[in-house]
Amino acid sequence: MKIKAKVKKGITEVKAMAKHPMLSYDEAKRKKTEANFITHMIATVGGATVFEMSSSQFLSANPYIKFSFNGGAKDEDITIKWVDLLGKSKTTTKKIK
């Protein structure tokens, strides 16, 4: 997962791209494989949740997520974790710039 986070005037802007094929049920049926897509994503800073979402099969492959929140400080860690339909997960941590 690629993460870019910058704080400006007390607001942290985050851009993240998760590498995932995001196979919908229809695509999986055509490819004769299991459907698999990200179902839940959460971002935390200093132990506090700053972003949380549930998703479905309708996001594109390698989804790009952009959000902002009040707070965050330069050199503080932001952690983003996602879980997919098959239970696999990925966690990535980066420093806020």
N, C-alpha and C. Protein backbone atom coordinates (compact mmCIF):
# COMPACT_ATOMS: atom_id res chain seq x y z
N MET A 1 0.84 -1.17 0.00
CA MET A 1 0.00 0.00 0.00
C MET A 1 0.90 1.24 0.00
N LYS A 2 0.52 2.21 -0.79
CA LYS A 2 1.25 3.47 -0.83
C LYS A 2 0.46 4.50 -0.04
N ILE A 3 1.16 5.24 0.81
CA ILE A 3 0.51 6.26 1.64
C ILE A 3 1.32 7.56 1.55
N LYS A 4 0.61 8.67 1.37
CA LYS A 4 1.20 10.00 1.47
C LYS A 4 0.33 10.79 2.44
N ALA A 5 0.94 11.33 3.47
CA ALA A 5 0.20 12.12 4.46
C ALA A 5 0.98 13.39 4.77
N LYS A 6 0.30 14.53 4.67
CA LYS A 6 0.92 15.83 4.95
C LYS A 6 0.01 16.62 5.86
N VAL A 7 0.63 17.29 6.85
CA VAL A 7 -0.14 18.16 7.73
C VAL A 7 0.07 19.60 7.30
N LYS A 8 -1.03 20.35 7.22
CA LYS A 8 -0.98 21.75 6.81
C LYS A 8 -2.05 22.49 7.60
N LYS A 9 -1.63 23.47 8.41
CA LYS A 9 -2.53 24.27 9.22
C LYS A 9 -3.43 23.43 10.12
N GLY A 10 -2.85 22.39 10.71
CA GLY A 10 -3.59 21.56 11.66
C GLY A 10 -4.48 20.49 11.05
N ILE A 11 -4.52 20.42 9.72
CA ILE A 11 -5.33 19.40 9.03
C ILE A 11 -4.40 18.48 8.27
N THR A 12 -4.56 17.19 8.50
CA THR A 12 -3.73 16.20 7.82
C THR A 12 -4.50 15.65 6.63
N GLU A 13 -3.88 15.73 5.45
CA GLU A 13 -4.46 15.19 4.23
C GLU A 13 -3.74 13.89 3.90
N VAL A 14 -4.53 12.85 3.66
CA VAL A 14 -3.98 11.52 3.40
C VAL A 14 -4.45 11.04 2.03
N LYS A 15 -3.50 10.48 1.27
CA LYS A 15 -3.80 9.83 0.00
C LYS A 15 -3.21 8.43 0.10
N ALA A 16 -4.01 7.43 -0.21
CA ALA A 16 -3.54 6.05 -0.09
C ALA A 16 -4.04 5.22 -1.27
N MET A 17 -3.20 4.31 -1.73
CA MET A 17 -3.60 3.39 -2.78
C MET A 17 -3.29 1.97 -2.32
N ALA A 18 -4.34 1.17 -2.25
CA ALA A 18 -4.19 -0.23 -1.85
C ALA A 18 -4.02 -1.09 -3.10
N LYS A 19 -3.04 -1.95 -3.11
CA LYS A 19 -2.85 -2.85 -4.25
C LYS A 19 -3.70 -4.10 -4.00
N HIS A 20 -4.78 -4.21 -4.77
CA HIS A 20 -5.69 -5.34 -4.62
C HIS A 20 -6.47 -5.51 -5.92
N PRO A 21 -6.69 -6.74 -6.38
CA PRO A 21 -7.40 -6.94 -7.66
C PRO A 21 -8.89 -6.59 -7.60
N MET A 22 -9.50 -6.61 -6.43
CA MET A 22 -10.91 -6.23 -6.26
C MET A 22 -11.83 -6.97 -7.24
N LEU A 23 -11.83 -8.29 -7.16
CA LEU A 23 -12.65 -9.11 -8.06
C LEU A 23 -14.09 -9.16 -7.58
N SER A 24 -15.00 -8.64 -8.39
CA SER A 24 -16.43 -8.70 -8.07
C SER A 24 -16.93 -10.12 -8.30
N TYR A 25 -18.15 -10.37 -7.89
CA TYR A 25 -18.73 -11.70 -8.09
C TYR A 25 -18.84 -12.04 -9.57
N ASP A 26 -19.23 -11.07 -10.41
CA ASP A 26 -19.36 -11.32 -11.85
C ASP A 26 -18.00 -11.60 -12.50
N GLU A 27 -17.00 -10.78 -12.15
CA GLU A 27 -15.66 -10.99 -12.70
C GLU A 27 -15.10 -12.34 -12.26
N ALA A 28 -15.31 -12.68 -11.02
CA ALA A 28 -14.81 -13.96 -10.49
C ALA A 28 -15.48 -15.13 -11.21
N LYS A 29 -16.75 -15.00 -11.49
CA LYS A 29 -17.47 -16.05 -12.20
C LYS A 29 -16.90 -16.25 -13.60
N ARG A 30 -16.62 -15.12 -14.30
CA ARG A 30 -16.03 -15.20 -15.64
C ARG A 30 -14.63 -15.81 -15.61
N LYS A 31 -13.86 -15.49 -14.58
CA LYS A 31 -12.49 -15.99 -14.47
C LYS A 31 -12.42 -17.34 -13.75
N LYS A 32 -13.57 -17.84 -13.32
CA LYS A 32 -13.68 -19.13 -12.62
C LYS A 32 -12.79 -19.16 -11.38
N THR A 33 -12.94 -18.13 -10.56
CA THR A 33 -12.20 -18.04 -9.31
C THR A 33 -13.13 -17.46 -8.25
N GLU A 34 -12.63 -17.26 -7.06
CA GLU A 34 -13.43 -16.70 -5.97
C GLU A 34 -13.47 -15.18 -6.04
N ALA A 35 -14.62 -14.62 -5.68
CA ALA A 35 -14.72 -13.17 -5.56
C ALA A 35 -13.87 -12.74 -4.37
N ASN A 36 -13.24 -11.61 -4.50
CA ASN A 36 -12.40 -11.10 -3.42
C ASN A 36 -12.21 -9.61 -3.59
N PHE A 37 -12.59 -8.86 -2.57
CA PHE A 37 -12.46 -7.41 -2.59
C PHE A 37 -12.29 -6.92 -1.17
N ILE A 38 -11.75 -5.72 -1.02
CA ILE A 38 -11.55 -5.13 0.30
C ILE A 38 -12.92 -4.82 0.90
N THR A 39 -13.13 -5.28 2.13
CA THR A 39 -14.41 -5.07 2.79
C THR A 39 -14.34 -4.02 3.89
N HIS A 40 -13.16 -3.81 4.45
CA HIS A 40 -13.03 -2.88 5.57
C HIS A 40 -11.65 -2.24 5.55
N MET A 41 -11.60 -0.93 5.82
CA MET A 41 -10.33 -0.22 5.90
C MET A 41 -10.40 0.73 7.09
N ILE A 42 -9.30 0.80 7.83
CA ILE A 42 -9.25 1.68 9.00
C ILE A 42 -7.88 2.35 9.06
N ALA A 43 -7.88 3.63 9.43
CA ALA A 43 -6.64 4.40 9.59
C ALA A 43 -6.57 4.91 11.02
N THR A 44 -5.40 4.77 11.63
CA THR A 44 -5.21 5.23 13.01
C THR A 44 -3.96 6.08 13.11
N VAL A 45 -4.02 7.05 14.02
CA VAL A 45 -2.88 7.90 14.35
C VAL A 45 -2.83 8.00 15.86
N GLY A 46 -1.72 7.60 16.45
CA GLY A 46 -1.57 7.66 17.90
C GLY A 46 -2.62 6.85 18.64
N GLY A 47 -3.04 5.74 18.06
CA GLY A 47 -4.03 4.88 18.70
C GLY A 47 -5.47 5.31 18.50
N ALA A 48 -5.70 6.47 17.88
CA ALA A 48 -7.05 6.96 17.64
C ALA A 48 -7.45 6.70 16.18
N THR A 49 -8.68 6.27 15.97
CA THR A 49 -9.18 6.04 14.63
C THR A 49 -9.50 7.39 13.98
N VAL A 50 -8.91 7.63 12.80
CA VAL A 50 -9.15 8.89 12.09
C VAL A 50 -9.95 8.68 10.81
N PHE A 51 -10.06 7.41 10.36
CA PHE A 51 -10.82 7.10 9.15
C PHE A 51 -11.21 5.63 9.22
N GLU A 52 -12.45 5.36 8.85
CA GLU A 52 -12.92 3.98 8.80
C GLU A 52 -13.96 3.86 7.71
N MET A 53 -13.88 2.77 6.94
CA MET A 53 -14.87 2.58 5.87
C MET A 53 -15.15 1.11 5.65
N SER A 54 -16.34 0.84 5.20
CA SER A 54 -16.73 -0.47 4.71
C SER A 54 -16.92 -0.31 3.22
N SER A 55 -16.52 -1.31 2.45
CA SER A 55 -16.66 -1.19 1.00
C SER A 55 -17.27 -2.46 0.44
N SER A 56 -17.50 -2.43 -0.86
CA SER A 56 -18.12 -3.56 -1.53
C SER A 56 -17.34 -3.88 -2.79
N GLN A 57 -17.92 -4.72 -3.59
CA GLN A 57 -17.28 -5.16 -4.83
C GLN A 57 -17.21 -4.07 -5.89
N PHE A 58 -17.79 -2.92 -5.64
CA PHE A 58 -17.91 -1.90 -6.67
C PHE A 58 -16.76 -0.89 -6.70
N LEU A 59 -15.74 -1.07 -5.88
CA LEU A 59 -14.54 -0.24 -5.98
C LEU A 59 -13.65 -0.81 -7.09
N SER A 60 -12.88 0.05 -7.71
CA SER A 60 -12.00 -0.40 -8.79
C SER A 60 -10.80 -1.16 -8.23
N ALA A 61 -10.09 -1.82 -9.12
CA ALA A 61 -8.85 -2.50 -8.72
C ALA A 61 -7.86 -1.45 -8.23
N ASN A 62 -7.05 -1.81 -7.27
CA ASN A 62 -6.08 -0.89 -6.68
C ASN A 62 -6.74 0.43 -6.27
N PRO A 63 -7.71 0.36 -5.35
CA PRO A 63 -8.48 1.57 -5.01
C PRO A 63 -7.63 2.68 -4.41
N TYR A 64 -7.97 3.91 -4.80
CA TYR A 64 -7.31 5.12 -4.34
C TYR A 64 -8.26 5.80 -3.36
N ILE A 65 -7.80 6.03 -2.15
CA ILE A 65 -8.62 6.62 -1.09
C ILE A 65 -7.97 7.94 -0.68
N LYS A 66 -8.79 8.98 -0.52
CA LYS A 66 -8.30 10.28 -0.09
C LYS A 66 -9.21 10.77 1.03
N PHE A 67 -8.60 11.20 2.14
CA PHE A 67 -9.37 11.73 3.26
C PHE A 67 -8.51 12.71 4.04
N SER A 68 -9.14 13.50 4.90
CA SER A 68 -8.41 14.43 5.75
C SER A 68 -9.04 14.41 7.14
N PHE A 69 -8.26 14.83 8.12
CA PHE A 69 -8.76 14.88 9.50
C PHE A 69 -8.04 15.99 10.25
N ASN A 70 -8.68 16.48 11.29
CA ASN A 70 -8.08 17.49 12.16
C ASN A 70 -7.07 16.82 13.07
N GLY A 71 -5.91 17.42 13.19
CA GLY A 71 -4.88 16.86 14.06
C GLY A 71 -3.78 16.20 13.26
N GLY A 72 -3.04 15.38 13.95
CA GLY A 72 -1.86 14.77 13.34
C GLY A 72 -0.71 15.74 13.43
N ALA A 73 0.48 15.22 13.53
CA ALA A 73 1.66 16.06 13.65
C ALA A 73 2.76 15.50 12.76
N LYS A 74 3.66 16.37 12.35
CA LYS A 74 4.79 15.96 11.53
C LYS A 74 5.58 14.88 12.27
N ASP A 75 6.00 13.86 11.55
CA ASP A 75 6.77 12.72 12.04
C ASP A 75 5.96 11.76 12.92
N GLU A 76 4.65 11.97 13.04
CA GLU A 76 3.80 11.02 13.73
C GLU A 76 3.45 9.90 12.74
N ASP A 77 3.24 8.68 13.25
CA ASP A 77 2.93 7.55 12.38
C ASP A 77 1.44 7.49 12.07
N ILE A 78 1.11 7.19 10.81
CA ILE A 78 -0.26 6.87 10.42
C ILE A 78 -0.24 5.42 9.94
N THR A 79 -1.18 4.64 10.43
CA THR A 79 -1.28 3.22 10.08
C THR A 79 -2.60 2.98 9.39
N ILE A 80 -2.54 2.34 8.23
CA ILE A 80 -3.76 1.98 7.50
C ILE A 80 -3.78 0.47 7.34
N LYS A 81 -4.91 -0.12 7.68
CA LYS A 81 -5.08 -1.57 7.59
C LYS A 81 -6.35 -1.86 6.80
N TRP A 82 -6.27 -2.83 5.89
CA TRP A 82 -7.47 -3.28 5.20
C TRP A 82 -7.62 -4.79 5.35
N VAL A 83 -8.87 -5.24 5.24
CA VAL A 83 -9.21 -6.67 5.30
C VAL A 83 -10.07 -6.97 4.10
N ASP A 84 -9.81 -8.11 3.42
CA ASP A 84 -10.62 -8.45 2.26
C ASP A 84 -11.62 -9.56 2.57
N LEU A 85 -12.40 -9.92 1.57
CA LEU A 85 -13.48 -10.88 1.72
C LEU A 85 -12.99 -12.25 2.17
N LEU A 86 -11.77 -12.60 1.81
CA LEU A 86 -11.21 -13.91 2.17
C LEU A 86 -10.49 -13.88 3.52
N GLY A 87 -10.50 -12.74 4.20
CA GLY A 87 -9.90 -12.63 5.52
C GLY A 87 -8.43 -12.21 5.52
N LYS A 88 -7.85 -12.01 4.35
CA LYS A 88 -6.46 -11.55 4.29
C LYS A 88 -6.42 -10.06 4.63
N SER A 89 -5.32 -9.65 5.24
CA SER A 89 -5.21 -8.25 5.61
C SER A 89 -3.82 -7.72 5.28
N LYS A 90 -3.73 -6.41 5.22
CA LYS A 90 -2.47 -5.73 4.95
C LYS A 90 -2.42 -4.49 5.83
N THR A 91 -1.30 -4.28 6.50
CA THR A 91 -1.12 -3.12 7.35
C THR A 91 0.13 -2.38 6.90
N THR A 92 0.00 -1.06 6.74
CA THR A 92 1.13 -0.23 6.33
C THR A 92 1.20 1.00 7.24
N THR A 93 2.41 1.35 7.66
CA THR A 93 2.62 2.52 8.51
C THR A 93 3.61 3.46 7.83
N LYS A 94 3.28 4.74 7.84
CA LYS A 94 4.16 5.77 7.29
C LYS A 94 4.19 6.97 8.22
N LYS A 95 5.21 7.79 8.07
CA LYS A 95 5.33 9.03 8.85
C LYS A 95 4.55 10.14 8.15
N ILE A 96 3.91 10.99 8.93
CA ILE A 96 3.24 12.17 8.39
C ILE A 96 4.32 13.21 8.13
N LYS A 97 4.25 13.87 6.99
CA LYS A 97 5.24 14.89 6.63
C LYS A 97 4.67 16.26 6.89
